[in-house]
């Protein structure tokens, strides 16, 4: 009798019609559709979304709860913060078709100028937080970085990865050279090396190494990918070592670099896999606790790049590094975000 009562107390399983109704309810609100549009390529916390849409936190939380219950958004914890992003396609074929059709339609909608400006404002705040960290901690950069993964630990595999990558050796662009550990290897392999960094403090540390080793084919540039686009800079190869987890909008970095990359060119990315060691945010200035390999693949595909080889390196301290290779087709139809 007790067992029978316990079974009666259990909530009834959701039927297909219940799930479809929840899906339609979630998609039946203009604000929720705009939230899904904003979450296309980046993840945001509830306070950031409240700022972007100029609405109260409680109201935003309510909309996110409905979207999460319907399976349209997923959450991911980054330290003490929870970020929302679009959920991956479900396994059920019917739901999968509906979700993909909805997202495809949403992505054709234009965001208002005010929303775009507030997105830029949120991303600027993230960028400023990262710059402030490096400005205040440039002297401790190597010590802090060694807590996660020093260049000495992954530099040789990255160099071997580069040597196995086909393509022109005329110009290479390294984004975020840090203390310049990879610059000597690049200088030996390319006719021209451009090192781009938005942190003047870190760029000065790279300059010390360049001067000491007399790397005469290395040009150090203070700027970001937006500046490089304005200058119409082009490169046959682009490298990023442990950069994406410091950037406010990794998907936009992929989009920018895809434009900077010459047709037939290669982008090599060394990045942390997703982890749960939240101390890295305060100790190392990380905005993100690494990324799933699928994240990088999705951003690359959206930017018109095709994935090549992958290599994963386990570190003794529990971190895992992913080395990824992406190619730009010789001819492109022109992808936009």
C-alpha atoms as a PDB file:
ATOM      1  CA  UNK A   1       0.000   0.000   0.000  1.00  0.00           C
ATOM      2  CA  UNK A   2       2.820   2.395   0.935  1.00  0.00           C
ATOM      3  CA  UNK A   3       4.614   1.638  -2.335  1.00  0.00           C
ATOM      4  CA  UNK A   4       1.401   2.245  -4.249  1.00  0.00           C
ATOM      5  CA  UNK A   5       0.876   5.606  -2.539  1.00  0.00           C
ATOM      6  CA  UNK A   6       4.480   6.589  -3.221  1.00  0.00           C
ATOM      7  CA  UNK A   7       4.025   5.849  -6.898  1.00  0.00           C
ATOM      8  CA  UNK A   8       0.838   7.910  -6.926  1.00  0.00           C
ATOM      9  CA  UNK A   9       2.715  10.844  -5.403  1.00  0.00           C
ATOM     10  CA  UNK A  10       5.304  10.836  -8.179  1.00  0.00           C
ATOM     11  CA  UNK A  11       4.772  13.457 -10.897  1.00  0.00           C
ATOM     12  CA  UNK A  12       3.476  12.074 -14.158  1.00  0.00           C
ATOM     13  CA  UNK A  13       6.105  11.890 -16.905  1.00  0.00           C
ATOM     14  CA  UNK A  14       5.917  14.670 -19.465  1.00  0.00           C
ATOM     15  CA  UNK A  15       4.233  13.593 -22.651  1.00  0.00           C
ATOM     16  CA  UNK A  16       5.315  14.633 -26.138  1.00  0.00           C
ATOM     17  CA  UNK A  17       2.439  17.112 -26.244  1.00  0.00           C
ATOM     18  CA  UNK A  18       3.562  18.625 -22.898  1.00  0.00           C
ATOM     19  CA  UNK A  19       7.081  19.131 -24.221  1.00  0.00           C
ATOM     20  CA  UNK A  20       5.785  20.610 -27.463  1.00  0.00           C
ATOM     21  CA  UNK A  21       3.528  22.981 -25.520  1.00  0.00           C
ATOM     22  CA  UNK A  22       6.496  24.115 -23.389  1.00  0.00           C
ATOM     23  CA  UNK A  23       8.533  24.645 -26.545  1.00  0.00           C
ATOM     24  CA  UNK A  24       5.790  26.717 -28.173  1.00  0.00           C
ATOM     25  CA  UNK A  25       5.262  28.735 -24.985  1.00  0.00           C
ATOM     26  CA  UNK A  26       8.943  29.544 -24.742  1.00  0.00           C
ATOM     27  CA  UNK A  27       9.109  30.556 -28.397  1.00  0.00           C
ATOM     28  CA  UNK A  28       5.905  32.580 -28.218  1.00  0.00           C
ATOM     29  CA  UNK A  29       7.343  35.691 -26.609  1.00  0.00           C
ATOM     30  CA  UNK A  30       9.209  38.427 -28.546  1.00  0.00           C
ATOM     31  CA  UNK A  31      11.681  39.113 -25.737  1.00  0.00           C
ATOM     32  CA  UNK A  32      12.571  35.438 -25.378  1.00  0.00           C
ATOM     33  CA  UNK A  33      13.187  35.236 -29.121  1.00  0.00           C
ATOM     34  CA  UNK A  34      15.574  38.182 -28.869  1.00  0.00           C
ATOM     35  CA  UNK A  35      17.344  36.544 -25.927  1.00  0.00           C
ATOM     36  CA  UNK A  36      17.910  33.446 -28.071  1.00  0.00           C
ATOM     37  CA  UNK A  37      19.204  35.672 -30.866  1.00  0.00           C
ATOM     38  CA  UNK A  38      21.732  37.322 -28.534  1.00  0.00           C
ATOM     39  CA  UNK A  39      22.841  33.918 -27.194  1.00  0.00           C
ATOM     40  CA  UNK A  40      23.702  32.666 -30.674  1.00  0.00           C
ATOM     41  CA  UNK A  41      27.483  32.997 -30.371  1.00  0.00           C
ATOM     42  CA  UNK A  42      28.163  34.085 -26.803  1.00  0.00           C
ATOM     43  CA  UNK A  43      27.165  33.213 -23.249  1.00  0.00           C
ATOM     44  CA  UNK A  44      25.926  35.803 -20.761  1.00  0.00           C
ATOM     45  CA  UNK A  45      24.947  35.899 -17.111  1.00  0.00           C
ATOM     46  CA  UNK A  46      21.522  37.008 -15.944  1.00  0.00           C
ATOM     47  CA  UNK A  47      22.814  40.449 -14.873  1.00  0.00           C
ATOM     48  CA  UNK A  48      24.481  40.965 -18.251  1.00  0.00           C
ATOM     49  CA  UNK A  49      21.297  39.978 -20.077  1.00  0.00           C
ATOM     50  CA  UNK A  50      19.317  42.338 -17.850  1.00  0.00           C
ATOM     51  CA  UNK A  51      21.716  45.108 -18.899  1.00  0.00           C
ATOM     52  CA  UNK A  52      21.507  44.178 -22.582  1.00  0.00           C
ATOM     53  CA  UNK A  53      17.709  44.204 -22.600  1.00  0.00           C
ATOM     54  CA  UNK A  54      17.303  47.019 -20.056  1.00  0.00           C
ATOM     55  CA  UNK A  55      14.998  44.938 -17.893  1.00  0.00           C
ATOM     56  CA  UNK A  56      14.870  43.858 -14.252  1.00  0.00           C
ATOM     57  CA  UNK A  57      16.798  40.852 -12.999  1.00  0.00           C
ATOM     58  CA  UNK A  58      13.693  39.054 -11.691  1.00  0.00           C
ATOM     59  CA  UNK A  59      11.924  39.422 -15.038  1.00  0.00           C
ATOM     60  CA  UNK A  60      14.978  38.206 -16.925  1.00  0.00           C
ATOM     61  CA  UNK A  61      15.327  35.228 -14.577  1.00  0.00           C
ATOM     62  CA  UNK A  62      11.695  34.330 -15.259  1.00  0.00           C
ATOM     63  CA  UNK A  63      12.232  34.307 -19.031  1.00  0.00           C
ATOM     64  CA  UNK A  64      15.440  32.291 -18.713  1.00  0.00           C
ATOM     65  CA  UNK A  65      13.658  29.739 -16.524  1.00  0.00           C
ATOM     66  CA  UNK A  66      11.013  29.237 -19.223  1.00  0.00           C
ATOM     67  CA  UNK A  67      13.668  28.904 -21.926  1.00  0.00           C
ATOM     68  CA  UNK A  68      15.630  26.423 -19.825  1.00  0.00           C
ATOM     69  CA  UNK A  69      12.528  24.349 -19.010  1.00  0.00           C
ATOM     70  CA  UNK A  70      11.749  24.078 -22.710  1.00  0.00           C
ATOM     71  CA  UNK A  71      15.303  22.958 -23.478  1.00  0.00           C
ATOM     72  CA  UNK A  72      16.166  26.009 -25.579  1.00  0.00           C
ATOM     73  CA  UNK A  73      18.946  27.322 -23.350  1.00  0.00           C
ATOM     74  CA  UNK A  74      21.576  25.554 -21.292  1.00  0.00           C
ATOM     75  CA  UNK A  75      23.486  26.789 -18.263  1.00  0.00           C
ATOM     76  CA  UNK A  76      27.157  26.539 -17.457  1.00  0.00           C
ATOM     77  CA  UNK A  77      28.844  27.481 -14.206  1.00  0.00           C
ATOM     78  CA  UNK A  78      31.977  29.638 -14.440  1.00  0.00           C
ATOM     79  CA  UNK A  79      33.281  29.905 -10.899  1.00  0.00           C
ATOM     80  CA  UNK A  80      30.535  31.504  -8.827  1.00  0.00           C
ATOM     81  CA  UNK A  81      28.648  32.745 -11.884  1.00  0.00           C
ATOM     82  CA  UNK A  82      26.127  30.981 -14.106  1.00  0.00           C
ATOM     83  CA  UNK A  83      26.117  31.745 -17.819  1.00  0.00           C
ATOM     84  CA  UNK A  84      23.369  31.003 -20.317  1.00  0.00           C
ATOM     85  CA  UNK A  85      23.811  29.935 -23.909  1.00  0.00           C
ATOM     86  CA  UNK A  86      21.743  28.146 -26.511  1.00  0.00           C
ATOM     87  CA  UNK A  87      21.170  24.486 -25.837  1.00  0.00           C
ATOM     88  CA  UNK A  88      22.557  21.904 -28.275  1.00  0.00           C
ATOM     89  CA  UNK A  89      20.128  20.155 -30.594  1.00  0.00           C
ATOM     90  CA  UNK A  90      18.083  17.459 -28.783  1.00  0.00           C
ATOM     91  CA  UNK A  91      18.258  13.810 -29.825  1.00  0.00           C
ATOM     92  CA  UNK A  92      14.553  13.551 -30.611  1.00  0.00           C
ATOM     93  CA  UNK A  93      14.247  14.083 -34.409  1.00  0.00           C
ATOM     94  CA  UNK A  94      11.024  16.098 -34.190  1.00  0.00           C
ATOM     95  CA  UNK A  95      12.334  18.440 -31.487  1.00  0.00           C
ATOM     96  CA  UNK A  96      15.636  18.695 -33.303  1.00  0.00           C
ATOM     97  CA  UNK A  97      13.925  19.790 -36.504  1.00  0.00           C
ATOM     98  CA  UNK A  98      11.787  22.328 -34.651  1.00  0.00           C
ATOM     99  CA  UNK A  99      14.724  23.789 -32.742  1.00  0.00           C
ATOM    100  CA  UNK A 100      16.944  24.105 -35.790  1.00  0.00           C
ATOM    101  CA  UNK A 101      14.153  25.734 -37.774  1.00  0.00           C
ATOM    102  CA  UNK A 102      13.484  28.190 -34.937  1.00  0.00           C
ATOM    103  CA  UNK A 103      17.154  29.116 -34.504  1.00  0.00           C
ATOM    104  CA  UNK A 104      17.615  29.514 -38.268  1.00  0.00           C
ATOM    105  CA  UNK A 105      14.662  31.901 -38.397  1.00  0.00           C
ATOM    106  CA  UNK A 106      15.806  33.846 -35.339  1.00  0.00           C
ATOM    107  CA  UNK A 107      19.288  34.298 -36.752  1.00  0.00           C
ATOM    108  CA  UNK A 108      17.837  36.141 -39.737  1.00  0.00           C
ATOM    109  CA  UNK A 109      16.292  38.733 -37.429  1.00  0.00           C
ATOM    110  CA  UNK A 110      18.162  42.006 -36.982  1.00  0.00           C
ATOM    111  CA  UNK A 111      18.900  43.233 -33.480  1.00  0.00           C
ATOM    112  CA  UNK A 112      17.992  46.825 -32.725  1.00  0.00           C
ATOM    113  CA  UNK A 113      20.770  49.388 -32.562  1.00  0.00           C
ATOM    114  CA  UNK A 114      20.201  49.902 -28.836  1.00  0.00           C
ATOM    115  CA  UNK A 115      20.604  46.185 -28.074  1.00  0.00           C
ATOM    116  CA  UNK A 116      23.762  46.001 -30.200  1.00  0.00           C
ATOM    117  CA  UNK A 117      25.178  48.994 -28.328  1.00  0.00           C
ATOM    118  CA  UNK A 118      24.436  47.407 -24.950  1.00  0.00           C
ATOM    119  CA  UNK A 119      26.055  44.130 -26.076  1.00  0.00           C
ATOM    120  CA  UNK A 120      29.155  46.121 -26.999  1.00  0.00           C
ATOM    121  CA  UNK A 121      29.032  47.826 -23.605  1.00  0.00           C
ATOM    122  CA  UNK A 122      28.946  44.464 -21.773  1.00  0.00           C
ATOM    123  CA  UNK A 123      31.810  43.144 -23.876  1.00  0.00           C
ATOM    124  CA  UNK A 124      33.813  46.323 -23.236  1.00  0.00           C
ATOM    125  CA  UNK A 125      33.356  45.801 -19.500  1.00  0.00           C
ATOM    126  CA  UNK A 126      34.704  42.269 -19.852  1.00  0.00           C
ATOM    127  CA  UNK A 127      37.634  43.509 -21.930  1.00  0.00           C
ATOM    128  CA  UNK A 128      38.429  46.249 -19.426  1.00  0.00           C
ATOM    129  CA  UNK A 129      38.422  43.744 -16.561  1.00  0.00           C
ATOM    130  CA  UNK A 130      40.899  41.572 -18.468  1.00  0.00           C
ATOM    131  CA  UNK A 131      43.147  44.522 -19.360  1.00  0.00           C
ATOM    132  CA  UNK A 132      43.152  45.756 -15.779  1.00  0.00           C
ATOM    133  CA  UNK A 133      44.252  42.345 -14.603  1.00  0.00           C
ATOM    134  CA  UNK A 134      47.222  42.210 -16.971  1.00  0.00           C
ATOM    135  CA  UNK A 135      48.134  45.815 -16.223  1.00  0.00           C
ATOM    136  CA  UNK A 136      48.268  45.067 -12.516  1.00  0.00           C
ATOM    137  CA  UNK A 137      49.795  41.595 -12.786  1.00  0.00           C
ATOM    138  CA  UNK A 138      52.191  41.747 -15.741  1.00  0.00           C
ATOM    139  CA  UNK A 139      55.157  41.090 -13.446  1.00  0.00           C
ATOM    140  CA  UNK A 140      53.495  37.931 -12.141  1.00  0.00           C
ATOM    141  CA  UNK A 141      52.206  36.707 -15.495  1.00  0.00           C
ATOM    142  CA  UNK A 142      54.615  33.787 -15.815  1.00  0.00           C
ATOM    143  CA  UNK A 143      54.074  32.642 -12.220  1.00  0.00           C
ATOM    144  CA  UNK A 144      50.289  32.840 -12.541  1.00  0.00           C
ATOM    145  CA  UNK A 145      50.255  31.170 -15.952  1.00  0.00           C
ATOM    146  CA  UNK A 146      52.494  28.354 -14.725  1.00  0.00           C
ATOM    147  CA  UNK A 147      49.771  27.469 -12.222  1.00  0.00           C
ATOM    148  CA  UNK A 148      47.686  26.316 -15.196  1.00  0.00           C
ATOM    149  CA  UNK A 149      50.004  25.576 -18.115  1.00  0.00           C
ATOM    150  CA  UNK A 150      53.261  27.275 -18.997  1.00  0.00           C
ATOM    151  CA  UNK A 151      54.412  27.632 -22.594  1.00  0.00           C
ATOM    152  CA  UNK A 152      57.331  25.322 -21.765  1.00  0.00           C
ATOM    153  CA  UNK A 153      54.787  22.551 -21.182  1.00  0.00           C
ATOM    154  CA  UNK A 154      52.983  22.828 -24.511  1.00  0.00           C
ATOM    155  CA  UNK A 155      55.376  24.834 -26.715  1.00  0.00           C
ATOM    156  CA  UNK A 156      57.077  21.838 -28.343  1.00  0.00           C
ATOM    157  CA  UNK A 157      53.810  20.066 -29.332  1.00  0.00           C
ATOM    158  CA  UNK A 158      52.462  23.368 -30.702  1.00  0.00           C
ATOM    159  CA  UNK A 159      55.610  23.829 -32.777  1.00  0.00           C
ATOM    160  CA  UNK A 160      55.349  20.266 -34.101  1.00  0.00           C
ATOM    161  CA  UNK A 161      51.676  20.925 -34.857  1.00  0.00           C
ATOM    162  CA  UNK A 162      52.718  24.009 -36.827  1.00  0.00           C
ATOM    163  CA  UNK A 163      55.411  22.115 -38.754  1.00  0.00           C
ATOM    164  CA  UNK A 164      52.858  19.490 -39.794  1.00  0.00           C
ATOM    165  CA  UNK A 165      50.470  22.170 -41.065  1.00  0.00           C
ATOM    166  CA  UNK A 166      50.630  22.899 -44.804  1.00  0.00           C
ATOM    167  CA  UNK A 167      50.440  26.399 -46.233  1.00  0.00           C
ATOM    168  CA  UNK A 168      52.356  29.514 -47.141  1.00  0.00           C
ATOM    169  CA  UNK A 169      55.133  30.728 -44.843  1.00  0.00           C
ATOM    170  CA  UNK A 170      55.027  34.380 -45.842  1.00  0.00           C
ATOM    171  CA  UNK A 171      53.254  36.108 -42.946  1.00  0.00           C
ATOM    172  CA  UNK A 172      52.002  34.790 -39.629  1.00  0.00           C
ATOM    173  CA  UNK A 173      49.878  36.696 -37.126  1.00  0.00           C
ATOM    174  CA  UNK A 174      50.138  35.760 -33.475  1.00  0.00           C
ATOM    175  CA  UNK A 175      47.304  37.138 -31.368  1.00  0.00           C
ATOM    176  CA  UNK A 176      48.176  37.644 -27.723  1.00  0.00           C
ATOM    177  CA  UNK A 177      51.895  36.716 -27.702  1.00  0.00           C
ATOM    178  CA  UNK A 178      52.171  37.187 -23.935  1.00  0.00           C
ATOM    179  CA  UNK A 179      55.845  37.179 -23.022  1.00  0.00           C
ATOM    180  CA  UNK A 180      56.739  36.157 -26.570  1.00  0.00           C
ATOM    181  CA  UNK A 181      57.586  32.509 -25.961  1.00  0.00           C
ATOM    182  CA  UNK A 182      56.355  31.379 -29.384  1.00  0.00           C
ATOM    183  CA  UNK A 183      57.873  34.249 -31.369  1.00  0.00           C
ATOM    184  CA  UNK A 184      61.342  32.682 -31.907  1.00  0.00           C
ATOM    185  CA  UNK A 185      59.795  29.560 -33.434  1.00  0.00           C
ATOM    186  CA  UNK A 186      57.548  31.667 -35.669  1.00  0.00           C
ATOM    187  CA  UNK A 187      60.455  33.915 -36.707  1.00  0.00           C
ATOM    188  CA  UNK A 188      62.390  30.861 -37.925  1.00  0.00           C
ATOM    189  CA  UNK A 189      59.480  29.568 -39.986  1.00  0.00           C
ATOM    190  CA  UNK A 190      57.935  32.684 -41.520  1.00  0.00           C
ATOM    191  CA  UNK A 191      59.251  35.550 -43.600  1.00  0.00           C
ATOM    192  CA  UNK A 192      57.255  38.058 -41.515  1.00  0.00           C
ATOM    193  CA  UNK A 193      55.763  37.785 -38.019  1.00  0.00           C
ATOM    194  CA  UNK A 194      53.137  40.203 -36.669  1.00  0.00           C
ATOM    195  CA  UNK A 195      52.486  39.964 -32.912  1.00  0.00           C
ATOM    196  CA  UNK A 196      49.217  41.649 -31.905  1.00  0.00           C
ATOM    197  CA  UNK A 197      48.300  42.327 -28.279  1.00  0.00           C
ATOM    198  CA  UNK A 198      45.807  44.682 -26.645  1.00  0.00           C
ATOM    199  CA  UNK A 199      47.883  44.800 -23.448  1.00  0.00           C
ATOM    200  CA  UNK A 200      50.743  47.298 -23.656  1.00  0.00           C
ATOM    201  CA  UNK A 201      52.300  45.770 -20.545  1.00  0.00           C
ATOM    202  CA  UNK A 202      52.455  42.279 -22.032  1.00  0.00           C
ATOM    203  CA  UNK A 203      53.649  43.632 -25.387  1.00  0.00           C
ATOM    204  CA  UNK A 204      56.589  45.311 -23.653  1.00  0.00           C
ATOM    205  CA  UNK A 205      57.596  41.929 -22.220  1.00  0.00           C
ATOM    206  CA  UNK A 206      57.480  40.434 -25.712  1.00  0.00           C
ATOM    207  CA  UNK A 207      59.624  43.319 -26.927  1.00  0.00           C
ATOM    208  CA  UNK A 208      62.344  42.412 -24.402  1.00  0.00           C
ATOM    209  CA  UNK A 209      62.594  38.898 -25.848  1.00  0.00           C
ATOM    210  CA  UNK A 210      62.491  40.158 -29.449  1.00  0.00           C
ATOM    211  CA  UNK A 211      65.352  42.568 -28.735  1.00  0.00           C
ATOM    212  CA  UNK A 212      67.398  40.014 -26.817  1.00  0.00           C
ATOM    213  CA  UNK A 213      67.146  37.402 -29.581  1.00  0.00           C
ATOM    214  CA  UNK A 214      67.348  39.962 -32.406  1.00  0.00           C
ATOM    215  CA  UNK A 215      64.200  38.741 -34.117  1.00  0.00           C
ATOM    216  CA  UNK A 216      64.377  41.280 -36.925  1.00  0.00           C
ATOM    217  CA  UNK A 217      61.376  39.912 -38.833  1.00  0.00           C
ATOM    218  CA  UNK A 218      58.986  40.343 -35.888  1.00  0.00           C
ATOM    219  CA  UNK A 219      56.686  43.369 -35.740  1.00  0.00           C
ATOM    220  CA  UNK A 220      54.990  44.105 -32.405  1.00  0.00           C
ATOM    221  CA  UNK A 221      51.619  45.858 -32.654  1.00  0.00           C
ATOM    222  CA  UNK A 222      49.487  47.282 -29.849  1.00  0.00           C
ATOM    223  CA  UNK A 223      45.883  46.646 -30.873  1.00  0.00           C
ATOM    224  CA  UNK A 224      43.088  44.110 -31.171  1.00  0.00           C
ATOM    225  CA  UNK A 225      41.390  42.178 -33.965  1.00  0.00           C
ATOM    226  CA  UNK A 226      39.032  45.077 -34.690  1.00  0.00           C
ATOM    227  CA  UNK A 227      42.065  47.305 -35.300  1.00  0.00           C
ATOM    228  CA  UNK A 228      43.618  44.648 -37.540  1.00  0.00           C
ATOM    229  CA  UNK A 229      40.425  44.556 -39.611  1.00  0.00           C
ATOM    230  CA  UNK A 230      40.487  48.337 -39.984  1.00  0.00           C
ATOM    231  CA  UNK A 231      44.094  48.100 -41.198  1.00  0.00           C
ATOM    232  CA  UNK A 232      43.094  45.313 -43.630  1.00  0.00           C
ATOM    233  CA  UNK A 233      45.861  43.131 -42.235  1.00  0.00           C
ATOM    234  CA  UNK A 234      46.105  39.711 -43.885  1.00  0.00           C
ATOM    235  CA  UNK A 235      48.033  36.608 -42.813  1.00  0.00           C
ATOM    236  CA  UNK A 236      48.686  33.153 -44.236  1.00  0.00           C
ATOM    237  CA  UNK A 237      48.658  31.667 -40.748  1.00  0.00           C
ATOM    238  CA  UNK A 238      47.206  32.846 -37.440  1.00  0.00           C
ATOM    239  CA  UNK A 239      48.139  31.466 -34.023  1.00  0.00           C
ATOM    240  CA  UNK A 240      46.452  31.910 -30.628  1.00  0.00           C
ATOM    241  CA  UNK A 241      47.996  30.361 -27.536  1.00  0.00           C
ATOM    242  CA  UNK A 242      45.855  30.513 -24.394  1.00  0.00           C
ATOM    243  CA  UNK A 243      44.072  33.663 -25.544  1.00  0.00           C
ATOM    244  CA  UNK A 244      40.387  32.825 -25.973  1.00  0.00           C
ATOM    245  CA  UNK A 245      39.659  32.306 -22.270  1.00  0.00           C
ATOM    246  CA  UNK A 246      40.735  35.935 -21.700  1.00  0.00           C
ATOM    247  CA  UNK A 247      38.460  37.405 -24.397  1.00  0.00           C
ATOM    248  CA  UNK A 248      34.908  38.685 -23.803  1.00  0.00           C
ATOM    249  CA  UNK A 249      33.497  37.263 -27.046  1.00  0.00           C
ATOM    250  CA  UNK A 250      35.434  34.254 -28.393  1.00  0.00           C
ATOM    251  CA  UNK A 251      33.022  33.756 -31.295  1.00  0.00           C
ATOM    252  CA  UNK A 252      33.699  37.309 -32.484  1.00  0.00           C
ATOM    253  CA  UNK A 253      37.439  36.604 -32.341  1.00  0.00           C
ATOM    254  CA  UNK A 254      36.889  33.657 -34.684  1.00  0.00           C
ATOM    255  CA  UNK A 255      34.788  35.830 -36.999  1.00  0.00           C
ATOM    256  CA  UNK A 256      37.418  38.596 -37.069  1.00  0.00           C
ATOM    257  CA  UNK A 257      40.352  36.254 -37.603  1.00  0.00           C
ATOM    258  CA  UNK A 258      38.554  34.404 -40.384  1.00  0.00           C
ATOM    259  CA  UNK A 259      38.437  37.715 -42.252  1.00  0.00           C
ATOM    260  CA  UNK A 260      42.126  38.396 -41.544  1.00  0.00           C
ATOM    261  CA  UNK A 261      43.115  34.945 -42.775  1.00  0.00           C
ATOM    262  CA  UNK A 262      44.102  34.673 -46.433  1.00  0.00           C
ATOM    263  CA  UNK A 263      42.175  32.134 -48.549  1.00  0.00           C
ATOM    264  CA  UNK A 264      43.744  28.725 -48.031  1.00  0.00           C
ATOM    265  CA  UNK A 265      45.262  29.908 -44.755  1.00  0.00           C
ATOM    266  CA  UNK A 266      45.386  28.112 -41.412  1.00  0.00           C
ATOM    267  CA  UNK A 267      44.453  29.108 -37.877  1.00  0.00           C
ATOM    268  CA  UNK A 268      46.070  27.208 -34.993  1.00  0.00           C
ATOM    269  CA  UNK A 269      44.420  27.501 -31.593  1.00  0.00           C
ATOM    270  CA  UNK A 270      45.857  26.283 -28.302  1.00  0.00           C
ATOM    271  CA  UNK A 271      43.265  26.523 -25.572  1.00  0.00           C
ATOM    272  CA  UNK A 272      42.161  25.064 -22.260  1.00  0.00           C
ATOM    273  CA  UNK A 273      39.423  22.465 -22.234  1.00  0.00           C
ATOM    274  CA  UNK A 274      36.522  23.281 -19.940  1.00  0.00           C
ATOM    275  CA  UNK A 275      37.385  22.840 -16.253  1.00  0.00           C
ATOM    276  CA  UNK A 276      35.914  23.646 -12.849  1.00  0.00           C
ATOM    277  CA  UNK A 277      38.929  25.218 -11.133  1.00  0.00           C
ATOM    278  CA  UNK A 278      37.364  28.585 -10.421  1.00  0.00           C
ATOM    279  CA  UNK A 279      40.481  30.018  -8.726  1.00  0.00           C
ATOM    280  CA  UNK A 280      41.870  30.620 -12.232  1.00  0.00           C
ATOM    281  CA  UNK A 281      39.502  33.571 -12.638  1.00  0.00           C
ATOM    282  CA  UNK A 282      41.067  35.545  -9.779  1.00  0.00           C
ATOM    283  CA  UNK A 283      44.654  34.258  -9.995  1.00  0.00           C
ATOM    284  CA  UNK A 284      45.080  34.346 -13.784  1.00  0.00           C
ATOM    285  CA  UNK A 285      42.449  36.824 -14.984  1.00  0.00           C
ATOM    286  CA  UNK A 286      40.507  34.163 -16.884  1.00  0.00           C
ATOM    287  CA  UNK A 287      37.077  35.268 -18.101  1.00  0.00           C
ATOM    288  CA  UNK A 288      36.140  31.690 -19.045  1.00  0.00           C
ATOM    289  CA  UNK A 289      37.040  28.361 -17.446  1.00  0.00           C
ATOM    290  CA  UNK A 290      38.137  26.838 -20.732  1.00  0.00           C
ATOM    291  CA  UNK A 291      35.883  25.579 -23.529  1.00  0.00           C
ATOM    292  CA  UNK A 292      34.467  22.344 -24.831  1.00  0.00           C
ATOM    293  CA  UNK A 293      35.966  21.308 -28.189  1.00  0.00           C
ATOM    294  CA  UNK A 294      32.484  21.627 -29.682  1.00  0.00           C
ATOM    295  CA  UNK A 295      32.474  25.334 -28.781  1.00  0.00           C
ATOM    296  CA  UNK A 296      35.534  26.033 -30.913  1.00  0.00           C
ATOM    297  CA  UNK A 297      34.188  23.912 -33.762  1.00  0.00           C
ATOM    298  CA  UNK A 298      30.882  25.773 -33.710  1.00  0.00           C
ATOM    299  CA  UNK A 299      32.515  29.219 -33.728  1.00  0.00           C
ATOM    300  CA  UNK A 300      34.894  28.198 -36.501  1.00  0.00           C
ATOM    301  CA  UNK A 301      32.069  26.824 -38.660  1.00  0.00           C
ATOM    302  CA  UNK A 302      30.035  30.005 -38.162  1.00  0.00           C
ATOM    303  CA  UNK A 303      33.089  31.995 -39.331  1.00  0.00           C
ATOM    304  CA  UNK A 304      33.421  29.877 -42.473  1.00  0.00           C
ATOM    305  CA  UNK A 305      36.388  27.797 -41.326  1.00  0.00           C
ATOM    306  CA  UNK A 306      36.690  24.033 -41.575  1.00  0.00           C
ATOM    307  CA  UNK A 307      38.199  21.917 -38.805  1.00  0.00           C
ATOM    308  CA  UNK A 308      41.437  20.003 -39.323  1.00  0.00           C
ATOM    309  CA  UNK A 309      43.484  17.935 -36.891  1.00  0.00           C
ATOM    310  CA  UNK A 310      43.092  18.009 -33.109  1.00  0.00           C
ATOM    311  CA  UNK A 311      45.477  17.074 -30.327  1.00  0.00           C
ATOM    312  CA  UNK A 312      44.715  16.921 -26.613  1.00  0.00           C
ATOM    313  CA  UNK A 313      47.383  17.206 -23.902  1.00  0.00           C
ATOM    314  CA  UNK A 314      46.705  16.273 -20.283  1.00  0.00           C
ATOM    315  CA  UNK A 315      48.500  18.327 -17.635  1.00  0.00           C
ATOM    316  CA  UNK A 316      49.645  17.017 -14.250  1.00  0.00           C
ATOM    317  CA  UNK A 317      47.539  19.577 -12.387  1.00  0.00           C
ATOM    318  CA  UNK A 318      44.264  18.303 -13.875  1.00  0.00           C
ATOM    319  CA  UNK A 319      43.959  20.754 -16.761  1.00  0.00           C
ATOM    320  CA  UNK A 320      43.699  19.574 -20.354  1.00  0.00           C
ATOM    321  CA  UNK A 321      44.889  21.534 -23.385  1.00  0.00           C
ATOM    322  CA  UNK A 322      43.387  21.275 -26.859  1.00  0.00           C
ATOM    323  CA  UNK A 323      45.397  22.035 -29.984  1.00  0.00           C
ATOM    324  CA  UNK A 324      43.067  22.756 -32.875  1.00  0.00           C
ATOM    325  CA  UNK A 325      43.627  23.351 -36.568  1.00  0.00           C
ATOM    326  CA  UNK A 326      41.192  25.292 -38.781  1.00  0.00           C
ATOM    327  CA  UNK A 327      41.391  26.085 -42.483  1.00  0.00           C
ATOM    328  CA  UNK A 328      39.923  28.841 -44.610  1.00  0.00           C
ATOM    329  CA  UNK A 329      38.709  27.622 -48.024  1.00  0.00           C
ATOM    330  CA  UNK A 330      40.437  28.979 -51.114  1.00  0.00           C
ATOM    331  CA  UNK A 331      37.085  30.461 -52.158  1.00  0.00           C
ATOM    332  CA  UNK A 332      34.446  31.679 -49.715  1.00  0.00           C
ATOM    333  CA  UNK A 333      30.891  32.866 -50.106  1.00  0.00           C
ATOM    334  CA  UNK A 334      31.439  35.347 -47.289  1.00  0.00           C
ATOM    335  CA  UNK A 335      30.127  34.512 -43.873  1.00  0.00           C
ATOM    336  CA  UNK A 336      28.873  37.114 -41.447  1.00  0.00           C
ATOM    337  CA  UNK A 337      27.881  37.043 -37.847  1.00  0.00           C
END
